[in-house]
Amino acid sequence: MSVSQTAPISSGTLWTGRVLSTIIVLFMIFDGVIKLPPLDIVTQTMTQLGWPADANAARLLGIIGLVSTALYALPRTSVLGAILLTAYMGGAVATHVRIGSPLFSHVLFGVYLGVILWGGLFLRDPRVRALLPFAS
């Protein structure tokens, strides 16, 4: 089924997708922005996670997250942004697995965000629905 052949979606479905996507965008903006200035809490947390206590490393992660989020928020590049954010979340999951964090609250948090991210995109983007035709 091509994008032009996808069934029309209801206004409720579209708005649900937009709300889910907005939750992800707002969370990721917060996550990225707090990593830009050299905040003590960020470098301390990075040390606890096994990363170097380097403000530049935190800043780089913040920039990567913000750029990926911007790509996700823009309709033309939303699929690329979703792929990049999925990789970003995968790095968070791997970090938490490596240090032995609790499974449901820490390790799987990136998975929860990924499900919301892709669910929101699926509901609001006909290109994704055409690729993943779950409903008939």
N, C-alpha and C. Protein backbone atom coordinates (compact mmCIF):
# COMPACT_ATOMS: atom_id res chain seq x y z
N MET A 1 0.86 -1.17 0.00
CA MET A 1 0.00 0.00 0.00
C MET A 1 0.90 1.23 0.00
N SER A 2 0.67 2.11 -0.94
CA SER A 2 1.49 3.32 -1.01
C SER A 2 0.91 4.39 -0.08
N VAL A 3 1.70 5.44 0.09
CA VAL A 3 1.26 6.53 0.97
C VAL A 3 -0.04 7.13 0.48
N SER A 4 -0.19 7.24 -0.85
CA SER A 4 -1.41 7.84 -1.40
C SER A 4 -2.62 6.93 -1.22
N GLN A 5 -2.39 5.63 -0.94
CA GLN A 5 -3.49 4.69 -0.79
C GLN A 5 -3.85 4.42 0.67
N THR A 6 -3.16 5.06 1.62
CA THR A 6 -3.48 4.81 3.02
C THR A 6 -4.86 5.34 3.34
N ALA A 7 -5.52 4.59 4.21
CA ALA A 7 -6.87 4.99 4.61
C ALA A 7 -6.80 6.28 5.41
N PRO A 8 -7.79 7.13 5.27
CA PRO A 8 -7.79 8.37 6.07
C PRO A 8 -7.92 8.02 7.54
N ILE A 9 -7.29 8.84 8.37
CA ILE A 9 -7.37 8.59 9.81
C ILE A 9 -8.27 9.62 10.45
N SER A 10 -8.80 9.24 11.58
CA SER A 10 -9.71 10.15 12.28
C SER A 10 -8.92 11.29 12.92
N SER A 11 -9.64 12.33 13.22
CA SER A 11 -9.04 13.47 13.90
C SER A 11 -8.50 13.07 15.27
N GLY A 12 -9.21 12.19 15.96
CA GLY A 12 -8.76 11.72 17.27
C GLY A 12 -7.45 10.96 17.21
N THR A 13 -7.31 10.13 16.19
CA THR A 13 -6.07 9.37 16.01
C THR A 13 -4.91 10.31 15.71
N LEU A 14 -5.15 11.26 14.83
CA LEU A 14 -4.11 12.23 14.49
C LEU A 14 -3.68 13.03 15.72
N TRP A 15 -4.64 13.48 16.50
CA TRP A 15 -4.31 14.27 17.69
C TRP A 15 -3.64 13.42 18.77
N THR A 16 -4.01 12.17 18.87
CA THR A 16 -3.33 11.28 19.81
C THR A 16 -1.86 11.15 19.41
N GLY A 17 -1.60 10.98 18.12
CA GLY A 17 -0.23 10.91 17.63
C GLY A 17 0.55 12.19 17.90
N ARG A 18 -0.11 13.31 17.70
CA ARG A 18 0.55 14.60 17.96
C ARG A 18 0.87 14.77 19.45
N VAL A 19 -0.06 14.37 20.31
CA VAL A 19 0.17 14.49 21.76
C VAL A 19 1.32 13.59 22.19
N LEU A 20 1.33 12.34 21.73
CA LEU A 20 2.43 11.42 22.07
C LEU A 20 3.76 11.97 21.58
N SER A 21 3.78 12.49 20.36
CA SER A 21 5.01 13.06 19.82
C SER A 21 5.44 14.30 20.59
N THR A 22 4.48 15.11 21.01
CA THR A 22 4.80 16.31 21.79
C THR A 22 5.41 15.94 23.14
N ILE A 23 4.91 14.89 23.76
CA ILE A 23 5.49 14.43 25.03
C ILE A 23 6.96 14.08 24.84
N ILE A 24 7.26 13.36 23.77
CA ILE A 24 8.65 12.98 23.50
C ILE A 24 9.49 14.21 23.22
N VAL A 25 8.98 15.12 22.39
CA VAL A 25 9.74 16.32 22.03
C VAL A 25 10.03 17.16 23.28
N LEU A 26 9.04 17.36 24.13
CA LEU A 26 9.25 18.16 25.34
C LEU A 26 10.25 17.49 26.28
N PHE A 27 10.13 16.19 26.45
CA PHE A 27 11.08 15.48 27.31
C PHE A 27 12.50 15.59 26.77
N MET A 28 12.65 15.39 25.46
CA MET A 28 13.99 15.43 24.85
C MET A 28 14.57 16.84 24.84
N ILE A 29 13.74 17.85 24.70
CA ILE A 29 14.24 19.23 24.80
C ILE A 29 14.78 19.46 26.21
N PHE A 30 14.02 19.05 27.22
CA PHE A 30 14.50 19.18 28.60
C PHE A 30 15.81 18.43 28.78
N ASP A 31 15.84 17.17 28.32
CA ASP A 31 17.03 16.34 28.45
C ASP A 31 18.24 16.97 27.77
N GLY A 32 18.06 17.53 26.59
CA GLY A 32 19.17 18.13 25.85
C GLY A 32 19.62 19.45 26.43
N VAL A 33 18.67 20.28 26.84
CA VAL A 33 19.00 21.62 27.34
C VAL A 33 19.76 21.56 28.66
N ILE A 34 19.40 20.62 29.55
CA ILE A 34 20.12 20.56 30.82
C ILE A 34 21.56 20.07 30.65
N LYS A 35 21.87 19.49 29.51
CA LYS A 35 23.24 19.02 29.26
C LYS A 35 24.13 20.08 28.64
N LEU A 36 23.56 21.17 28.19
CA LEU A 36 24.36 22.20 27.52
C LEU A 36 25.22 23.03 28.48
N PRO A 37 24.68 23.59 29.55
CA PRO A 37 25.56 24.32 30.49
C PRO A 37 26.29 23.30 31.38
N PRO A 38 27.40 23.67 31.92
CA PRO A 38 28.13 22.71 32.77
C PRO A 38 27.49 22.59 34.17
N LEU A 39 26.32 21.98 34.25
CA LEU A 39 25.63 21.79 35.53
C LEU A 39 26.30 20.66 36.31
N ASP A 40 26.46 20.90 37.60
CA ASP A 40 27.10 19.92 38.47
C ASP A 40 26.33 18.60 38.51
N ILE A 41 25.01 18.69 38.57
CA ILE A 41 24.18 17.48 38.66
C ILE A 41 24.35 16.60 37.43
N VAL A 42 24.53 17.21 36.27
CA VAL A 42 24.69 16.44 35.03
C VAL A 42 26.02 15.70 35.04
N THR A 43 27.10 16.37 35.39
CA THR A 43 28.40 15.71 35.41
C THR A 43 28.47 14.64 36.51
N GLN A 44 27.81 14.88 37.64
CA GLN A 44 27.76 13.87 38.70
C GLN A 44 27.00 12.63 38.24
N THR A 45 25.89 12.85 37.58
CA THR A 45 25.09 11.72 37.08
C THR A 45 25.85 10.96 36.00
N MET A 46 26.56 11.67 35.15
CA MET A 46 27.35 10.99 34.12
C MET A 46 28.41 10.11 34.76
N THR A 47 29.02 10.57 35.83
CA THR A 47 30.01 9.77 36.54
C THR A 47 29.37 8.51 37.11
N GLN A 48 28.18 8.63 37.70
CA GLN A 48 27.47 7.47 38.24
C GLN A 48 27.12 6.46 37.15
N LEU A 49 26.93 6.96 35.93
CA LEU A 49 26.59 6.09 34.80
C LEU A 49 27.82 5.52 34.09
N GLY A 50 29.00 5.89 34.58
CA GLY A 50 30.22 5.37 34.00
C GLY A 50 30.79 6.20 32.88
N TRP A 51 30.26 7.39 32.66
CA TRP A 51 30.78 8.31 31.65
C TRP A 51 31.78 9.25 32.31
N PRO A 52 32.66 9.85 31.53
CA PRO A 52 33.60 10.81 32.14
C PRO A 52 32.86 12.06 32.63
N ALA A 53 33.36 12.61 33.73
CA ALA A 53 32.76 13.84 34.29
C ALA A 53 33.25 15.03 33.50
N ASP A 54 32.89 15.06 32.24
CA ASP A 54 33.36 16.08 31.31
C ASP A 54 32.17 16.86 30.78
N ALA A 55 32.17 18.17 31.01
CA ALA A 55 31.07 19.01 30.54
C ALA A 55 30.95 18.96 29.02
N ASN A 56 32.06 18.79 28.31
CA ASN A 56 32.01 18.73 26.85
C ASN A 56 31.33 17.45 26.36
N ALA A 57 31.54 16.34 27.06
CA ALA A 57 30.86 15.10 26.69
C ALA A 57 29.35 15.25 26.90
N ALA A 58 28.97 15.85 28.02
CA ALA A 58 27.55 16.08 28.29
C ALA A 58 26.96 17.01 27.23
N ARG A 59 27.70 18.05 26.90
CA ARG A 59 27.24 19.02 25.89
C ARG A 59 27.03 18.33 24.54
N LEU A 60 27.97 17.46 24.16
CA LEU A 60 27.86 16.75 22.90
C LEU A 60 26.61 15.86 22.89
N LEU A 61 26.37 15.14 23.99
CA LEU A 61 25.16 14.32 24.07
C LEU A 61 23.91 15.18 23.99
N GLY A 62 23.93 16.35 24.63
CA GLY A 62 22.80 17.26 24.57
C GLY A 62 22.53 17.74 23.15
N ILE A 63 23.59 18.08 22.44
CA ILE A 63 23.43 18.55 21.05
C ILE A 63 22.90 17.44 20.16
N ILE A 64 23.43 16.23 20.32
CA ILE A 64 22.95 15.09 19.53
C ILE A 64 21.46 14.86 19.80
N GLY A 65 21.08 14.90 21.06
CA GLY A 65 19.66 14.71 21.40
C GLY A 65 18.78 15.80 20.85
N LEU A 66 19.23 17.05 20.93
CA LEU A 66 18.42 18.17 20.44
C LEU A 66 18.29 18.16 18.91
N VAL A 67 19.37 17.85 18.21
CA VAL A 67 19.31 17.79 16.75
C VAL A 67 18.38 16.65 16.32
N SER A 68 18.51 15.50 16.95
CA SER A 68 17.64 14.37 16.63
C SER A 68 16.17 14.70 16.92
N THR A 69 15.94 15.40 18.02
CA THR A 69 14.58 15.81 18.37
C THR A 69 14.01 16.80 17.36
N ALA A 70 14.82 17.74 16.93
CA ALA A 70 14.37 18.70 15.91
C ALA A 70 14.00 17.97 14.62
N LEU A 71 14.81 17.00 14.23
CA LEU A 71 14.49 16.23 13.03
C LEU A 71 13.20 15.45 13.20
N TYR A 72 12.96 14.91 14.39
CA TYR A 72 11.73 14.18 14.68
C TYR A 72 10.51 15.11 14.64
N ALA A 73 10.67 16.32 15.12
CA ALA A 73 9.55 17.26 15.20
C ALA A 73 9.13 17.79 13.82
N LEU A 74 10.05 17.83 12.89
CA LEU A 74 9.74 18.34 11.55
C LEU A 74 9.14 17.23 10.69
N PRO A 75 7.97 17.44 10.11
CA PRO A 75 7.30 16.37 9.35
C PRO A 75 8.15 15.75 8.24
N ARG A 76 8.90 16.55 7.52
CA ARG A 76 9.69 16.01 6.40
C ARG A 76 10.82 15.10 6.85
N THR A 77 11.33 15.31 8.05
CA THR A 77 12.47 14.53 8.54
C THR A 77 12.12 13.70 9.77
N SER A 78 10.84 13.52 10.05
CA SER A 78 10.43 12.86 11.28
C SER A 78 10.89 11.40 11.36
N VAL A 79 10.91 10.70 10.25
CA VAL A 79 11.35 9.30 10.28
C VAL A 79 12.84 9.23 10.59
N LEU A 80 13.64 10.08 9.97
CA LEU A 80 15.08 10.12 10.28
C LEU A 80 15.29 10.46 11.75
N GLY A 81 14.55 11.45 12.25
CA GLY A 81 14.65 11.82 13.66
C GLY A 81 14.27 10.67 14.58
N ALA A 82 13.23 9.92 14.21
CA ALA A 82 12.81 8.78 15.02
C ALA A 82 13.89 7.71 15.05
N ILE A 83 14.54 7.48 13.93
CA ILE A 83 15.62 6.50 13.88
C ILE A 83 16.79 6.95 14.76
N LEU A 84 17.16 8.22 14.66
CA LEU A 84 18.27 8.74 15.47
C LEU A 84 17.92 8.73 16.96
N LEU A 85 16.69 9.09 17.31
CA LEU A 85 16.29 9.06 18.71
C LEU A 85 16.23 7.62 19.23
N THR A 86 15.86 6.68 18.39
CA THR A 86 15.86 5.28 18.79
C THR A 86 17.29 4.83 19.11
N ALA A 87 18.24 5.25 18.30
CA ALA A 87 19.64 4.93 18.59
C ALA A 87 20.10 5.59 19.89
N TYR A 88 19.70 6.82 20.11
CA TYR A 88 20.03 7.55 21.33
C TYR A 88 19.47 6.82 22.55
N MET A 89 18.21 6.39 22.46
CA MET A 89 17.59 5.64 23.55
C MET A 89 18.29 4.30 23.76
N GLY A 90 18.72 3.68 22.67
CA GLY A 90 19.45 2.42 22.78
C GLY A 90 20.75 2.59 23.56
N GLY A 91 21.41 3.72 23.36
CA GLY A 91 22.62 4.01 24.12
C GLY A 91 22.32 4.16 25.60
N ALA A 92 21.18 4.76 25.91
CA ALA A 92 20.78 4.91 27.32
C ALA A 92 20.46 3.54 27.93
N VAL A 93 19.77 2.70 27.18
CA VAL A 93 19.47 1.35 27.66
C VAL A 93 20.77 0.59 27.91
N ALA A 94 21.69 0.64 26.95
CA ALA A 94 22.96 -0.07 27.10
C ALA A 94 23.75 0.43 28.30
N THR A 95 23.74 1.73 28.53
CA THR A 95 24.43 2.30 29.68
C THR A 95 23.86 1.77 30.98
N HIS A 96 22.54 1.72 31.07
CA HIS A 96 21.91 1.24 32.29
C HIS A 96 22.10 -0.26 32.49
N VAL A 97 22.12 -1.02 31.42
CA VAL A 97 22.39 -2.46 31.52
C VAL A 97 23.80 -2.67 32.04
N ARG A 98 24.75 -1.90 31.51
CA ARG A 98 26.16 -2.05 31.88
C ARG A 98 26.42 -1.80 33.35
N ILE A 99 25.70 -0.84 33.95
CA ILE A 99 25.96 -0.54 35.36
C ILE A 99 25.02 -1.27 36.31
N GLY A 100 24.11 -2.08 35.75
CA GLY A 100 23.22 -2.87 36.60
C GLY A 100 22.07 -2.11 37.22
N SER A 101 21.53 -1.13 36.52
CA SER A 101 20.38 -0.37 37.01
C SER A 101 19.15 -1.26 37.11
N PRO A 102 18.16 -0.85 37.90
CA PRO A 102 16.90 -1.61 37.97
C PRO A 102 16.23 -1.71 36.59
N LEU A 103 15.67 -2.87 36.30
CA LEU A 103 15.14 -3.16 34.97
C LEU A 103 13.98 -2.26 34.56
N PHE A 104 12.89 -2.28 35.32
CA PHE A 104 11.67 -1.61 34.86
C PHE A 104 11.73 -0.09 34.98
N SER A 105 12.44 0.44 35.94
CA SER A 105 12.46 1.88 36.14
C SER A 105 13.57 2.58 35.36
N HIS A 106 14.69 1.93 35.12
CA HIS A 106 15.82 2.59 34.48
C HIS A 106 16.17 1.98 33.13
N VAL A 107 16.43 0.67 33.11
CA VAL A 107 16.87 0.02 31.87
C VAL A 107 15.82 0.17 30.78
N LEU A 108 14.58 -0.11 31.10
CA LEU A 108 13.53 -0.09 30.08
C LEU A 108 12.94 1.29 29.82
N PHE A 109 13.38 2.32 30.54
CA PHE A 109 12.84 3.66 30.33
C PHE A 109 13.05 4.11 28.87
N GLY A 110 14.21 3.86 28.31
CA GLY A 110 14.47 4.20 26.91
C GLY A 110 13.56 3.43 25.96
N VAL A 111 13.23 2.20 26.32
CA VAL A 111 12.30 1.41 25.51
C VAL A 111 10.90 2.02 25.58
N TYR A 112 10.48 2.41 26.77
CA TYR A 112 9.17 3.07 26.92
C TYR A 112 9.10 4.32 26.04
N LEU A 113 10.16 5.13 26.10
CA LEU A 113 10.19 6.34 25.27
C LEU A 113 10.16 6.00 23.79
N GLY A 114 10.87 4.95 23.40
CA GLY A 114 10.88 4.54 22.00
C GLY A 114 9.51 4.09 21.52
N VAL A 115 8.79 3.38 22.36
CA VAL A 115 7.44 2.93 22.00
C VAL A 115 6.51 4.15 21.83
N ILE A 116 6.60 5.09 22.75
CA ILE A 116 5.79 6.31 22.63
C ILE A 116 6.18 7.08 21.38
N LEU A 117 7.48 7.19 21.14
CA LEU A 117 8.01 7.93 19.98
C LEU A 117 7.47 7.35 18.67
N TRP A 118 7.62 6.03 18.49
CA TRP A 118 7.18 5.40 17.25
C TRP A 118 5.65 5.31 17.19
N GLY A 119 4.99 5.14 18.33
CA GLY A 119 3.52 5.14 18.34
C GLY A 119 2.98 6.48 17.89
N GLY A 120 3.55 7.56 18.41
CA GLY A 120 3.12 8.89 18.00
C GLY A 120 3.35 9.13 16.52
N LEU A 121 4.51 8.69 16.04
CA LEU A 121 4.81 8.87 14.62
C LEU A 121 3.89 8.02 13.75
N PHE A 122 3.62 6.80 14.18
CA PHE A 122 2.72 5.91 13.43
C PHE A 122 1.33 6.53 13.29
N LEU A 123 0.85 7.13 14.38
CA LEU A 123 -0.50 7.70 14.36
C LEU A 123 -0.60 9.00 13.57
N ARG A 124 0.51 9.73 13.44
CA ARG A 124 0.43 11.02 12.76
C ARG A 124 1.03 11.05 11.37
N ASP A 125 1.72 10.00 10.95
CA ASP A 125 2.43 10.03 9.66
C ASP A 125 1.97 8.90 8.74
N PRO A 126 1.34 9.22 7.62
CA PRO A 126 0.87 8.18 6.72
C PRO A 126 1.99 7.35 6.10
N ARG A 127 3.20 7.92 6.00
CA ARG A 127 4.33 7.15 5.44
C ARG A 127 4.67 5.97 6.34
N VAL A 128 4.63 6.20 7.64
CA VAL A 128 4.95 5.12 8.59
C VAL A 128 3.83 4.09 8.60
N ARG A 129 2.59 4.54 8.54
CA ARG A 129 1.47 3.60 8.49
C ARG A 129 1.52 2.76 7.22
N ALA A 130 1.99 3.32 6.11
CA ALA A 130 2.10 2.55 4.87
C ALA A 130 3.21 1.49 4.99
N LEU A 131 4.26 1.81 5.73
CA LEU A 131 5.35 0.84 5.93
C LEU A 131 4.97 -0.27 6.91
N LEU A 132 4.19 0.09 7.91
CA LEU A 132 3.81 -0.83 8.97
C LEU A 132 2.29 -0.94 9.04
N PRO A 133 1.68 -1.67 8.11
CA PRO A 133 0.21 -1.72 8.06
C PRO A 133 -0.38 -2.68 9.10
N PHE A 134 -0.44 -2.24 10.37
CA PHE A 134 -0.98 -3.08 11.44
C PHE A 134 -2.49 -3.21 11.36
N ALA A 135 -3.17 -2.17 10.94
CA ALA A 135 -4.63 -2.19 10.89
C ALA A 135 -5.08 -2.29 9.44
N SER A 136 -6.19 -2.95 9.23
CA SER A 136 -6.69 -3.07 7.85
C SER A 136 -7.73 -2.03 7.55
